[in-house]
Amino acid sequence: MGGVAKVIADKLGAAFSPTHLEIVDDSSRHAGHAGARAGGESHFTVAIESAVFEGLTRVQRQRLVYQALAEELSGPVHALSLKAEAPGESNKTA
């Protein structure tokens, strides 16, 4: 796990105490595109499951995650694909 991915994991862990957290660096798929950095760690896919998301809409969940990662999203992270679920929601991939 690279430095940016570790910061993302640490911040999401602290903010949401997730029961599931998966962070995938998709930067290599975006090489040459806008926002891609030579060293990677600019495009991520995040799947997070947390009780914090219970009763919240998809947009409310996204806003909470974006707030937790505001510094990264204004700097090294160009794109973030996000799947935020509450425990028991069954849209997780195996």
N, C-alpha and C. Protein backbone atom coordinates (compact mmCIF):
# COMPACT_ATOMS: atom_id res chain seq x y z
N MET A 1 0.85 -1.17 0.00
CA MET A 1 0.00 0.00 0.00
C MET A 1 0.90 1.23 0.00
N GLY A 2 0.63 2.14 -0.94
CA GLY A 2 1.42 3.35 -1.03
C GLY A 2 1.08 4.36 0.04
N GLY A 3 1.82 5.46 0.07
CA GLY A 3 1.65 6.47 1.10
C GLY A 3 0.28 7.13 1.10
N VAL A 4 -0.24 7.48 -0.08
CA VAL A 4 -1.55 8.12 -0.15
C VAL A 4 -2.63 7.13 0.26
N ALA A 5 -2.54 5.90 -0.21
CA ALA A 5 -3.52 4.87 0.16
C ALA A 5 -3.52 4.64 1.67
N LYS A 6 -2.34 4.66 2.28
CA LYS A 6 -2.26 4.47 3.74
C LYS A 6 -2.92 5.62 4.48
N VAL A 7 -2.72 6.85 4.01
CA VAL A 7 -3.37 8.01 4.62
C VAL A 7 -4.88 7.88 4.50
N ILE A 8 -5.36 7.46 3.33
CA ILE A 8 -6.79 7.26 3.13
C ILE A 8 -7.31 6.22 4.11
N ALA A 9 -6.61 5.10 4.21
CA ALA A 9 -7.02 4.03 5.13
C ALA A 9 -7.04 4.51 6.57
N ASP A 10 -6.01 5.24 6.97
CA ASP A 10 -5.93 5.74 8.34
C ASP A 10 -7.06 6.72 8.65
N LYS A 11 -7.32 7.63 7.74
CA LYS A 11 -8.36 8.64 7.98
C LYS A 11 -9.75 8.02 7.99
N LEU A 12 -10.01 7.11 7.06
CA LEU A 12 -11.33 6.46 7.04
C LEU A 12 -11.50 5.55 8.25
N GLY A 13 -10.44 4.89 8.66
CA GLY A 13 -10.50 4.05 9.86
C GLY A 13 -10.82 4.86 11.10
N ALA A 14 -10.16 6.00 11.24
CA ALA A 14 -10.39 6.85 12.40
C ALA A 14 -11.79 7.49 12.39
N ALA A 15 -12.26 7.88 11.22
CA ALA A 15 -13.54 8.60 11.12
C ALA A 15 -14.75 7.67 11.21
N PHE A 16 -14.61 6.43 10.70
CA PHE A 16 -15.80 5.59 10.55
C PHE A 16 -15.72 4.22 11.24
N SER A 17 -14.61 3.85 11.82
CA SER A 17 -14.45 2.52 12.43
C SER A 17 -15.10 1.45 11.55
N PRO A 18 -14.64 1.33 10.32
CA PRO A 18 -15.32 0.43 9.38
C PRO A 18 -15.21 -1.04 9.75
N THR A 19 -16.26 -1.79 9.40
CA THR A 19 -16.24 -3.24 9.54
C THR A 19 -15.64 -3.86 8.28
N HIS A 20 -15.55 -3.09 7.22
CA HIS A 20 -14.91 -3.52 5.97
C HIS A 20 -14.34 -2.27 5.30
N LEU A 21 -13.10 -2.37 4.83
CA LEU A 21 -12.48 -1.26 4.12
C LEU A 21 -11.54 -1.84 3.07
N GLU A 22 -11.79 -1.48 1.83
CA GLU A 22 -10.96 -1.92 0.72
C GLU A 22 -10.58 -0.70 -0.11
N ILE A 23 -9.29 -0.54 -0.35
CA ILE A 23 -8.79 0.59 -1.11
C ILE A 23 -7.95 0.04 -2.26
N VAL A 24 -8.33 0.41 -3.47
CA VAL A 24 -7.63 -0.07 -4.66
C VAL A 24 -7.09 1.14 -5.41
N ASP A 25 -5.79 1.12 -5.70
CA ASP A 25 -5.16 2.17 -6.49
C ASP A 25 -5.38 1.85 -7.96
N ASP A 26 -6.25 2.62 -8.62
CA ASP A 26 -6.58 2.42 -10.03
C ASP A 26 -5.77 3.32 -10.95
N SER A 27 -4.75 3.95 -10.43
CA SER A 27 -4.01 4.96 -11.19
C SER A 27 -3.44 4.43 -12.49
N SER A 28 -2.97 3.20 -12.51
CA SER A 28 -2.36 2.66 -13.72
C SER A 28 -3.35 2.60 -14.88
N ARG A 29 -4.63 2.47 -14.57
CA ARG A 29 -5.66 2.45 -15.62
C ARG A 29 -5.91 3.83 -16.19
N HIS A 30 -5.39 4.87 -15.55
CA HIS A 30 -5.64 6.24 -15.97
C HIS A 30 -4.37 6.95 -16.44
N ALA A 31 -3.32 6.21 -16.64
CA ALA A 31 -2.06 6.80 -17.08
C ALA A 31 -2.29 7.60 -18.36
N GLY A 32 -1.77 8.82 -18.38
CA GLY A 32 -1.93 9.69 -19.55
C GLY A 32 -3.20 10.51 -19.53
N HIS A 33 -4.11 10.23 -18.62
CA HIS A 33 -5.35 11.00 -18.52
C HIS A 33 -5.16 12.20 -17.61
N ALA A 34 -6.10 13.11 -17.64
CA ALA A 34 -6.06 14.29 -16.77
C ALA A 34 -5.98 13.86 -15.31
N GLY A 35 -5.11 14.52 -14.58
CA GLY A 35 -4.99 14.27 -13.15
C GLY A 35 -4.10 13.10 -12.78
N ALA A 36 -3.69 12.31 -13.77
CA ALA A 36 -2.81 11.17 -13.47
C ALA A 36 -1.42 11.68 -13.14
N ARG A 37 -0.84 11.10 -12.08
CA ARG A 37 0.51 11.47 -11.67
C ARG A 37 1.47 10.37 -12.07
N ALA A 38 2.68 10.76 -12.39
CA ALA A 38 3.69 9.79 -12.82
C ALA A 38 3.90 8.69 -11.79
N GLY A 39 3.86 9.01 -10.52
CA GLY A 39 4.07 8.02 -9.47
C GLY A 39 2.83 7.26 -9.07
N GLY A 40 1.71 7.51 -9.73
CA GLY A 40 0.45 6.84 -9.37
C GLY A 40 -0.20 7.47 -8.16
N GLU A 41 -1.04 6.72 -7.51
CA GLU A 41 -1.79 7.16 -6.33
C GLU A 41 -2.57 8.44 -6.57
N SER A 42 -3.26 8.48 -7.70
CA SER A 42 -4.11 9.63 -8.03
C SER A 42 -5.56 9.24 -8.23
N HIS A 43 -5.82 7.97 -8.52
CA HIS A 43 -7.16 7.45 -8.78
C HIS A 43 -7.40 6.23 -7.89
N PHE A 44 -8.47 6.26 -7.10
CA PHE A 44 -8.72 5.17 -6.16
C PHE A 44 -10.17 4.71 -6.23
N THR A 45 -10.36 3.43 -5.91
CA THR A 45 -11.68 2.87 -5.67
C THR A 45 -11.71 2.47 -4.20
N VAL A 46 -12.73 2.93 -3.48
CA VAL A 46 -12.86 2.65 -2.05
C VAL A 46 -14.21 1.99 -1.79
N ALA A 47 -14.19 0.87 -1.08
CA ALA A 47 -15.40 0.22 -0.58
C ALA A 47 -15.29 0.25 0.94
N ILE A 48 -16.30 0.84 1.58
CA ILE A 48 -16.27 0.97 3.03
C ILE A 48 -17.64 0.60 3.60
N GLU A 49 -17.62 -0.15 4.69
CA GLU A 49 -18.84 -0.52 5.40
C GLU A 49 -18.70 -0.02 6.83
N SER A 50 -19.69 0.75 7.28
CA SER A 50 -19.63 1.30 8.63
C SER A 50 -21.03 1.54 9.17
N ALA A 51 -21.20 1.34 10.46
CA ALA A 51 -22.48 1.63 11.12
C ALA A 51 -22.83 3.11 11.04
N VAL A 52 -21.83 3.96 10.85
CA VAL A 52 -22.06 5.40 10.72
C VAL A 52 -23.01 5.71 9.57
N PHE A 53 -23.03 4.84 8.55
CA PHE A 53 -23.83 5.09 7.35
C PHE A 53 -25.28 4.65 7.47
N GLU A 54 -25.63 3.99 8.57
CA GLU A 54 -27.01 3.52 8.74
C GLU A 54 -27.98 4.69 8.70
N GLY A 55 -29.02 4.54 7.88
CA GLY A 55 -30.07 5.55 7.78
C GLY A 55 -29.72 6.75 6.91
N LEU A 56 -28.53 6.76 6.33
CA LEU A 56 -28.12 7.87 5.49
C LEU A 56 -28.30 7.53 4.01
N THR A 57 -28.57 8.55 3.22
CA THR A 57 -28.66 8.35 1.78
C THR A 57 -27.27 8.18 1.20
N ARG A 58 -27.21 7.73 -0.03
CA ARG A 58 -25.93 7.55 -0.72
C ARG A 58 -25.17 8.86 -0.77
N VAL A 59 -25.86 9.95 -1.06
CA VAL A 59 -25.21 11.26 -1.14
C VAL A 59 -24.68 11.70 0.23
N GLN A 60 -25.43 11.49 1.29
CA GLN A 60 -24.97 11.84 2.63
C GLN A 60 -23.72 11.04 3.01
N ARG A 61 -23.70 9.77 2.65
CA ARG A 61 -22.54 8.93 2.93
C ARG A 61 -21.31 9.45 2.18
N GLN A 62 -21.51 9.76 0.90
CA GLN A 62 -20.40 10.28 0.10
C GLN A 62 -19.86 11.58 0.68
N ARG A 63 -20.74 12.46 1.09
CA ARG A 63 -20.30 13.74 1.67
C ARG A 63 -19.45 13.52 2.91
N LEU A 64 -19.84 12.58 3.75
CA LEU A 64 -19.06 12.30 4.96
C LEU A 64 -17.65 11.81 4.61
N VAL A 65 -17.58 10.92 3.64
CA VAL A 65 -16.27 10.40 3.22
C VAL A 65 -15.44 11.51 2.60
N TYR A 66 -16.05 12.31 1.73
CA TYR A 66 -15.33 13.41 1.08
C TYR A 66 -14.82 14.42 2.12
N GLN A 67 -15.60 14.67 3.17
CA GLN A 67 -15.15 15.57 4.24
C GLN A 67 -13.93 14.99 4.94
N ALA A 68 -13.96 13.68 5.21
CA ALA A 68 -12.84 13.04 5.90
C ALA A 68 -11.57 13.06 5.04
N LEU A 69 -11.74 13.08 3.72
CA LEU A 69 -10.60 13.04 2.81
C LEU A 69 -10.40 14.36 2.06
N ALA A 70 -10.89 15.45 2.61
CA ALA A 70 -10.84 16.74 1.93
C ALA A 70 -9.43 17.13 1.51
N GLU A 71 -8.46 16.92 2.38
CA GLU A 71 -7.08 17.31 2.09
C GLU A 71 -6.53 16.50 0.90
N GLU A 72 -6.80 15.21 0.90
CA GLU A 72 -6.31 14.36 -0.18
C GLU A 72 -7.01 14.68 -1.50
N LEU A 73 -8.32 14.96 -1.44
CA LEU A 73 -9.07 15.27 -2.65
C LEU A 73 -8.70 16.63 -3.24
N SER A 74 -8.13 17.49 -2.43
CA SER A 74 -7.69 18.79 -2.96
C SER A 74 -6.22 18.75 -3.38
N GLY A 75 -5.60 17.60 -3.22
CA GLY A 75 -4.18 17.47 -3.56
C GLY A 75 -3.90 16.28 -4.44
N PRO A 76 -3.35 15.22 -3.86
CA PRO A 76 -2.85 14.12 -4.69
C PRO A 76 -3.93 13.24 -5.32
N VAL A 77 -5.14 13.21 -4.77
CA VAL A 77 -6.18 12.32 -5.30
C VAL A 77 -7.02 13.09 -6.31
N HIS A 78 -6.97 12.61 -7.54
CA HIS A 78 -7.73 13.24 -8.63
C HIS A 78 -9.14 12.67 -8.73
N ALA A 79 -9.28 11.36 -8.49
CA ALA A 79 -10.58 10.71 -8.64
C ALA A 79 -10.76 9.64 -7.58
N LEU A 80 -12.00 9.54 -7.07
CA LEU A 80 -12.32 8.57 -6.05
C LEU A 80 -13.66 7.93 -6.40
N SER A 81 -13.64 6.64 -6.66
CA SER A 81 -14.86 5.88 -6.87
C SER A 81 -15.22 5.28 -5.51
N LEU A 82 -16.44 5.52 -5.06
CA LEU A 82 -16.79 5.20 -3.68
C LEU A 82 -18.03 4.34 -3.59
N LYS A 83 -17.94 3.31 -2.75
CA LYS A 83 -19.09 2.48 -2.39
C LYS A 83 -19.13 2.47 -0.87
N ALA A 84 -20.12 3.15 -0.30
CA ALA A 84 -20.24 3.27 1.17
C ALA A 84 -21.54 2.61 1.60
N GLU A 85 -21.42 1.61 2.48
CA GLU A 85 -22.58 0.85 2.92
C GLU A 85 -22.62 0.72 4.43
N ALA A 86 -23.82 0.48 4.94
CA ALA A 86 -24.01 0.15 6.35
C ALA A 86 -23.92 -1.37 6.48
N PRO A 87 -23.58 -1.87 7.67
CA PRO A 87 -23.53 -3.32 7.88
C PRO A 87 -24.87 -3.96 7.50
N GLY A 88 -24.79 -5.10 6.84
CA GLY A 88 -26.00 -5.82 6.45
C GLY A 88 -26.50 -5.49 5.06
N GLU A 89 -26.00 -4.43 4.46
CA GLU A 89 -26.37 -4.13 3.09
C GLU A 89 -25.58 -5.08 2.20
N SER A 90 -26.23 -5.74 1.32
CA SER A 90 -25.61 -6.89 0.64
C SER A 90 -25.08 -6.60 -0.76
N ASN A 91 -24.64 -5.38 -1.04
CA ASN A 91 -24.11 -5.08 -2.37
C ASN A 91 -22.61 -5.29 -2.45
N LYS A 92 -22.00 -5.85 -1.39
CA LYS A 92 -20.56 -6.11 -1.37
C LYS A 92 -20.21 -7.17 -2.39
N THR A 93 -19.04 -7.00 -2.99
CA THR A 93 -18.52 -8.06 -3.85
C THR A 93 -17.71 -9.01 -2.96
N ALA A 94 -17.61 -10.23 -3.38
CA ALA A 94 -16.90 -11.23 -2.58
C ALA A 94 -15.41 -11.06 -2.66
